[in-house]
Amino acid sequence: MPSCIDRRRSRYLRRQHIGNLLQVRQSSICFPIAGGFATSEQENLQTAQRFYKLVNAGDLAAVSALVTEDVDWKDAGAGNLPWSTWCHGREEFERYASKFLGLLEVRAFQPDEFVVGRDSVVVLGFERLVLRASNRVVEANWVQVLTFRDGLICRFREYSDMAGLGGRSAQAIASDR
């Protein structure tokens, strides 16, 4: 049975019948267009792949053009690492990305696997970053979930293997600034 969208108390709920069970997920920011999704899974995959190419190229303006005005962006270390934060909106995202690229040199930002589903793309990958102030290398495996609306990224969540920090605490990494 297909999923449907209900609006209740200004929150959107996705209901999906799986066998005899009803699964309900809440979406706080990304709203699919009534009657379906605005873009195809293939278009979302292509946008996700373009996103990773542009990040690797360091093209902040082009990356910013791939996110919605109200993007909800949260990376793995949000609030705990000097380059990490939770952004709401394109302006905050641009400040975050500028700070990120100022503090870190991206040596590798490598998606290894893409898993596509309706309005989202889940990406498994690896990054190798160099803290510019100390030349310390930070490596991590991650899972990133990109949610799309109208062909743009409206929500980003990252889940990372923090062991890539070399067993060091966020405070120790922050002191490397």
C-alpha atoms as a PDB file:
ATOM      1  CA  MET A   1       0.000   0.000   0.000  1.00  0.00           C
ATOM      2  CA  PRO A   2       1.497   3.404  -0.879  1.00  0.00           C
ATOM      3  CA  SER A   3       2.474   5.903   1.785  1.00  0.00           C
ATOM      4  CA  CYS A   4       0.418   9.022   2.375  1.00  0.00           C
ATOM      5  CA  ILE A   5       0.993  12.367   4.060  1.00  0.00           C
ATOM      6  CA  ASP A   6      -1.239  13.767   6.831  1.00  0.00           C
ATOM      7  CA  ARG A   7      -0.978  17.240   8.307  1.00  0.00           C
ATOM      8  CA  ARG A   8      -1.758  17.403  12.004  1.00  0.00           C
ATOM      9  CA  ARG A   9      -0.701  20.025  14.529  1.00  0.00           C
ATOM     10  CA  SER A  10       1.553  21.610  11.849  1.00  0.00           C
ATOM     11  CA  ARG A  11       3.668  18.445  11.659  1.00  0.00           C
ATOM     12  CA  TYR A  12       3.794  16.105   8.732  1.00  0.00           C
ATOM     13  CA  LEU A  13       3.449  12.393   9.279  1.00  0.00           C
ATOM     14  CA  ARG A  14       4.310   9.760   6.740  1.00  0.00           C
ATOM     15  CA  ARG A  15       2.123   6.702   7.083  1.00  0.00           C
ATOM     16  CA  GLN A  16       3.063   3.515   5.386  1.00  0.00           C
ATOM     17  CA  HIS A  17       1.339   0.179   5.627  1.00  0.00           C
ATOM     18  CA  ILE A  18       3.758  -2.733   5.784  1.00  0.00           C
ATOM     19  CA  GLY A  19       1.775  -5.929   5.844  1.00  0.00           C
ATOM     20  CA  ASN A  20      -0.792  -5.446   8.588  1.00  0.00           C
ATOM     21  CA  LEU A  21       1.386  -2.944  10.460  1.00  0.00           C
ATOM     22  CA  LEU A  22       1.204   0.822  10.141  1.00  0.00           C
ATOM     23  CA  GLN A  23       4.559   2.615  10.230  1.00  0.00           C
ATOM     24  CA  VAL A  24       4.495   6.357  10.979  1.00  0.00           C
ATOM     25  CA  ARG A  25       7.497   8.669  10.638  1.00  0.00           C
ATOM     26  CA  GLN A  26       7.511  12.347  11.441  1.00  0.00           C
ATOM     27  CA  SER A  27       9.182  14.857   9.145  1.00  0.00           C
ATOM     28  CA  SER A  28       9.834  18.230  10.716  1.00  0.00           C
ATOM     29  CA  ILE A  29      11.184  20.201   7.784  1.00  0.00           C
ATOM     30  CA  CYS A  30      11.020  18.497   4.374  1.00  0.00           C
ATOM     31  CA  PHE A  31       7.589  18.222   2.873  1.00  0.00           C
ATOM     32  CA  PRO A  32       6.964  16.136  -0.230  1.00  0.00           C
ATOM     33  CA  ILE A  33       4.633  17.619  -2.785  1.00  0.00           C
ATOM     34  CA  ALA A  34       1.054  16.420  -2.439  1.00  0.00           C
ATOM     35  CA  GLY A  35       0.402  13.429  -4.645  1.00  0.00           C
ATOM     36  CA  GLY A  36       4.024  12.342  -4.871  1.00  0.00           C
ATOM     37  CA  PHE A  37       7.585  13.523  -4.840  1.00  0.00           C
ATOM     38  CA  ALA A  38       8.868  16.405  -6.933  1.00  0.00           C
ATOM     39  CA  THR A  39      11.849  14.613  -8.395  1.00  0.00           C
ATOM     40  CA  SER A  40      12.725  11.075  -9.250  1.00  0.00           C
ATOM     41  CA  GLU A  41      15.073   8.854  -7.304  1.00  0.00           C
ATOM     42  CA  GLN A  42      17.482   8.994 -10.244  1.00  0.00           C
ATOM     43  CA  GLU A  43      17.549  12.820 -10.176  1.00  0.00           C
ATOM     44  CA  ASN A  44      18.172  12.779  -6.410  1.00  0.00           C
ATOM     45  CA  LEU A  45      21.041  10.328  -6.913  1.00  0.00           C
ATOM     46  CA  GLN A  46      22.568  12.536  -9.604  1.00  0.00           C
ATOM     47  CA  THR A  47      22.305  15.597  -7.339  1.00  0.00           C
ATOM     48  CA  ALA A  48      23.937  13.671  -4.478  1.00  0.00           C
ATOM     49  CA  GLN A  49      26.798  12.581  -6.745  1.00  0.00           C
ATOM     50  CA  ARG A  50      27.224  16.169  -7.978  1.00  0.00           C
ATOM     51  CA  PHE A  51      27.286  17.376  -4.345  1.00  0.00           C
ATOM     52  CA  TYR A  52      30.273  15.134  -3.521  1.00  0.00           C
ATOM     53  CA  LYS A  53      32.151  16.158  -6.677  1.00  0.00           C
ATOM     54  CA  LEU A  54      31.651  19.851  -5.856  1.00  0.00           C
ATOM     55  CA  VAL A  55      32.741  19.430  -2.232  1.00  0.00           C
ATOM     56  CA  ASN A  56      35.921  17.709  -3.423  1.00  0.00           C
ATOM     57  CA  ALA A  57      36.501  20.554  -5.875  1.00  0.00           C
ATOM     58  CA  GLY A  58      36.032  23.104  -3.054  1.00  0.00           C
ATOM     59  CA  ASP A  59      33.307  24.935  -5.021  1.00  0.00           C
ATOM     60  CA  LEU A  60      31.298  26.438  -2.148  1.00  0.00           C
ATOM     61  CA  ALA A  61      29.037  28.529  -4.398  1.00  0.00           C
ATOM     62  CA  ALA A  62      28.003  25.508  -6.453  1.00  0.00           C
ATOM     63  CA  VAL A  63      27.497  23.366  -3.319  1.00  0.00           C
ATOM     64  CA  SER A  64      25.330  26.098  -1.805  1.00  0.00           C
ATOM     65  CA  ALA A  65      23.172  26.116  -4.936  1.00  0.00           C
ATOM     66  CA  LEU A  66      22.293  22.451  -4.232  1.00  0.00           C
ATOM     67  CA  VAL A  67      20.624  23.186  -0.867  1.00  0.00           C
ATOM     68  CA  THR A  68      17.228  24.749  -0.184  1.00  0.00           C
ATOM     69  CA  GLU A  69      16.836  28.176   1.421  1.00  0.00           C
ATOM     70  CA  ASP A  70      15.586  26.461   4.603  1.00  0.00           C
ATOM     71  CA  VAL A  71      18.100  23.595   4.670  1.00  0.00           C
ATOM     72  CA  ASP A  72      18.411  21.727   7.984  1.00  0.00           C
ATOM     73  CA  TRP A  73      22.064  20.618   8.201  1.00  0.00           C
ATOM     74  CA  LYS A  74      23.615  18.679  11.065  1.00  0.00           C
ATOM     75  CA  ASP A  75      26.950  16.947  10.844  1.00  0.00           C
ATOM     76  CA  ALA A  76      28.264  14.252  13.171  1.00  0.00           C
ATOM     77  CA  GLY A  77      30.108  16.432  15.654  1.00  0.00           C
ATOM     78  CA  ALA A  78      27.604  19.294  15.729  1.00  0.00           C
ATOM     79  CA  GLY A  79      28.624  21.619  18.536  1.00  0.00           C
ATOM     80  CA  ASN A  80      31.491  19.422  19.734  1.00  0.00           C
ATOM     81  CA  LEU A  81      34.165  20.111  17.136  1.00  0.00           C
ATOM     82  CA  PRO A  82      35.433  23.514  15.977  1.00  0.00           C
ATOM     83  CA  TRP A  83      34.334  22.934  12.386  1.00  0.00           C
ATOM     84  CA  SER A  84      31.042  21.292  13.232  1.00  0.00           C
ATOM     85  CA  THR A  85      27.589  22.787  13.747  1.00  0.00           C
ATOM     86  CA  TRP A  86      23.867  22.534  13.182  1.00  0.00           C
ATOM     87  CA  CYS A  87      22.714  24.950  10.460  1.00  0.00           C
ATOM     88  CA  HIS A  88      19.250  26.189   9.674  1.00  0.00           C
ATOM     89  CA  GLY A  89      19.008  27.944   6.332  1.00  0.00           C
ATOM     90  CA  ARG A  90      21.314  28.559   3.407  1.00  0.00           C
ATOM     91  CA  GLU A  91      23.070  31.569   4.988  1.00  0.00           C
ATOM     92  CA  GLU A  92      24.071  29.575   8.078  1.00  0.00           C
ATOM     93  CA  PHE A  93      25.133  26.702   5.843  1.00  0.00           C
ATOM     94  CA  GLU A  94      27.374  29.020   3.803  1.00  0.00           C
ATOM     95  CA  ARG A  95      29.018  30.369   6.985  1.00  0.00           C
ATOM     96  CA  TYR A  96      29.522  26.803   8.218  1.00  0.00           C
ATOM     97  CA  ALA A  97      31.025  25.641   4.915  1.00  0.00           C
ATOM     98  CA  SER A  98      33.330  28.653   4.745  1.00  0.00           C
ATOM     99  CA  LYS A  99      34.543  28.016   8.308  1.00  0.00           C
ATOM    100  CA  PHE A 100      34.931  24.295   7.570  1.00  0.00           C
ATOM    101  CA  LEU A 101      37.084  24.950   4.490  1.00  0.00           C
ATOM    102  CA  GLY A 102      39.059  27.588   6.389  1.00  0.00           C
ATOM    103  CA  LEU A 103      39.958  25.241   9.240  1.00  0.00           C
ATOM    104  CA  LEU A 104      40.328  22.028   7.240  1.00  0.00           C
ATOM    105  CA  GLU A 105      41.906  20.917   4.022  1.00  0.00           C
ATOM    106  CA  VAL A 106      39.822  18.223   2.360  1.00  0.00           C
ATOM    107  CA  ARG A 107      42.161  15.492   1.109  1.00  0.00           C
ATOM    108  CA  ALA A 108      39.400  12.946   0.523  1.00  0.00           C
ATOM    109  CA  PHE A 109      35.633  13.161   0.770  1.00  0.00           C
ATOM    110  CA  GLN A 110      34.762   9.878  -0.804  1.00  0.00           C
ATOM    111  CA  PRO A 111      31.315   8.377  -1.196  1.00  0.00           C
ATOM    112  CA  ASP A 112      31.629   4.613  -1.488  1.00  0.00           C
ATOM    113  CA  GLU A 113      27.991   3.529  -1.730  1.00  0.00           C
ATOM    114  CA  PHE A 114      24.687   5.247  -2.501  1.00  0.00           C
ATOM    115  CA  VAL A 115      21.363   3.843  -1.292  1.00  0.00           C
ATOM    116  CA  VAL A 116      18.418   5.595  -2.917  1.00  0.00           C
ATOM    117  CA  GLY A 117      14.876   5.743  -1.581  1.00  0.00           C
ATOM    118  CA  ARG A 118      12.076   8.035  -2.719  1.00  0.00           C
ATOM    119  CA  ASP A 119      13.050  11.431  -1.246  1.00  0.00           C
ATOM    120  CA  SER A 120      16.411  10.519   0.284  1.00  0.00           C
ATOM    121  CA  VAL A 121      19.839   9.194  -0.554  1.00  0.00           C
ATOM    122  CA  VAL A 122      21.917   7.435   2.101  1.00  0.00           C
ATOM    123  CA  VAL A 123      25.640   7.585   1.419  1.00  0.00           C
ATOM    124  CA  LEU A 124      28.374   5.492   3.029  1.00  0.00           C
ATOM    125  CA  GLY A 125      31.806   6.986   2.722  1.00  0.00           C
ATOM    126  CA  PHE A 126      35.150   8.105   4.059  1.00  0.00           C
ATOM    127  CA  GLU A 127      36.907  11.405   4.656  1.00  0.00           C
ATOM    128  CA  ARG A 128      40.468  12.459   5.261  1.00  0.00           C
ATOM    129  CA  LEU A 129      40.843  16.013   6.525  1.00  0.00           C
ATOM    130  CA  VAL A 130      43.891  17.997   7.609  1.00  0.00           C
ATOM    131  CA  LEU A 131      43.591  20.583  10.378  1.00  0.00           C
ATOM    132  CA  ARG A 132      45.326  23.592   8.805  1.00  0.00           C
ATOM    133  CA  ALA A 133      46.622  24.993  12.135  1.00  0.00           C
ATOM    134  CA  SER A 134      48.409  21.825  13.249  1.00  0.00           C
ATOM    135  CA  ASN A 135      48.718  19.689  10.110  1.00  0.00           C
ATOM    136  CA  ARG A 136      46.988  16.888  12.055  1.00  0.00           C
ATOM    137  CA  VAL A 137      45.173  14.361   9.849  1.00  0.00           C
ATOM    138  CA  VAL A 138      41.618  13.389  10.798  1.00  0.00           C
ATOM    139  CA  GLU A 139      40.067  10.355   9.125  1.00  0.00           C
ATOM    140  CA  ALA A 140      36.563   9.005   9.545  1.00  0.00           C
ATOM    141  CA  ASN A 141      34.066   6.641   8.010  1.00  0.00           C
ATOM    142  CA  TRP A 142      30.566   8.071   7.845  1.00  0.00           C
ATOM    143  CA  VAL A 143      26.975   7.622   6.815  1.00  0.00           C
ATOM    144  CA  GLN A 144      25.270  10.713   5.442  1.00  0.00           C
ATOM    145  CA  VAL A 145      21.551  11.001   4.811  1.00  0.00           C
ATOM    146  CA  LEU A 146      20.504  13.601   2.254  1.00  0.00           C
ATOM    147  CA  THR A 147      16.787  14.369   2.004  1.00  0.00           C
ATOM    148  CA  PHE A 148      15.498  16.135  -1.094  1.00  0.00           C
ATOM    149  CA  ARG A 149      12.712  18.545  -1.936  1.00  0.00           C
ATOM    150  CA  ASP A 150      12.239  19.863  -5.466  1.00  0.00           C
ATOM    151  CA  GLY A 151      15.587  18.408  -6.500  1.00  0.00           C
ATOM    152  CA  LEU A 152      17.574  20.197  -3.761  1.00  0.00           C
ATOM    153  CA  ILE A 153      18.987  19.004  -0.449  1.00  0.00           C
ATOM    154  CA  CYS A 154      16.618  20.153   2.302  1.00  0.00           C
ATOM    155  CA  ARG A 155      18.015  18.041   5.146  1.00  0.00           C
ATOM    156  CA  PHE A 156      21.441  16.567   5.901  1.00  0.00           C
ATOM    157  CA  ARG A 157      22.408  14.250   8.738  1.00  0.00           C
ATOM    158  CA  GLU A 158      25.823  12.719   9.259  1.00  0.00           C
ATOM    159  CA  TYR A 159      26.700   9.779  11.473  1.00  0.00           C
ATOM    160  CA  SER A 160      30.435   9.319  11.807  1.00  0.00           C
ATOM    161  CA  ASP A 161      32.951   6.921  13.275  1.00  0.00           C
ATOM    162  CA  MET A 162      34.496   9.279  15.797  1.00  0.00           C
ATOM    163  CA  ALA A 163      37.302   6.771  16.406  1.00  0.00           C
ATOM    164  CA  GLY A 164      38.805   8.469  13.351  1.00  0.00           C
ATOM    165  CA  LEU A 165      39.785  11.266  15.722  1.00  0.00           C
ATOM    166  CA  GLY A 166      42.505   8.943  16.951  1.00  0.00           C
ATOM    167  CA  GLY A 167      40.888   8.290  20.313  1.00  0.00           C
ATOM    168  CA  ARG A 168      41.209  11.966  21.192  1.00  0.00           C
ATOM    169  CA  SER A 169      38.408  13.934  22.785  1.00  0.00           C
ATOM    170  CA  ALA A 170      36.586  16.739  21.010  1.00  0.00           C
ATOM    171  CA  GLN A 171      38.275  19.185  23.439  1.00  0.00           C
ATOM    172  CA  ALA A 172      41.734  17.907  22.435  1.00  0.00           C
ATOM    173  CA  ILE A 173      40.881  18.253  18.742  1.00  0.00           C
ATOM    174  CA  ALA A 174      39.491  21.756  19.391  1.00  0.00           C
ATOM    175  CA  SER A 175      42.767  22.779  21.044  1.00  0.00           C
ATOM    176  CA  ASP A 176      44.558  22.019  17.758  1.00  0.00           C
ATOM    177  CA  ARG A 177      43.068  25.173  16.248  1.00  0.00           C
END
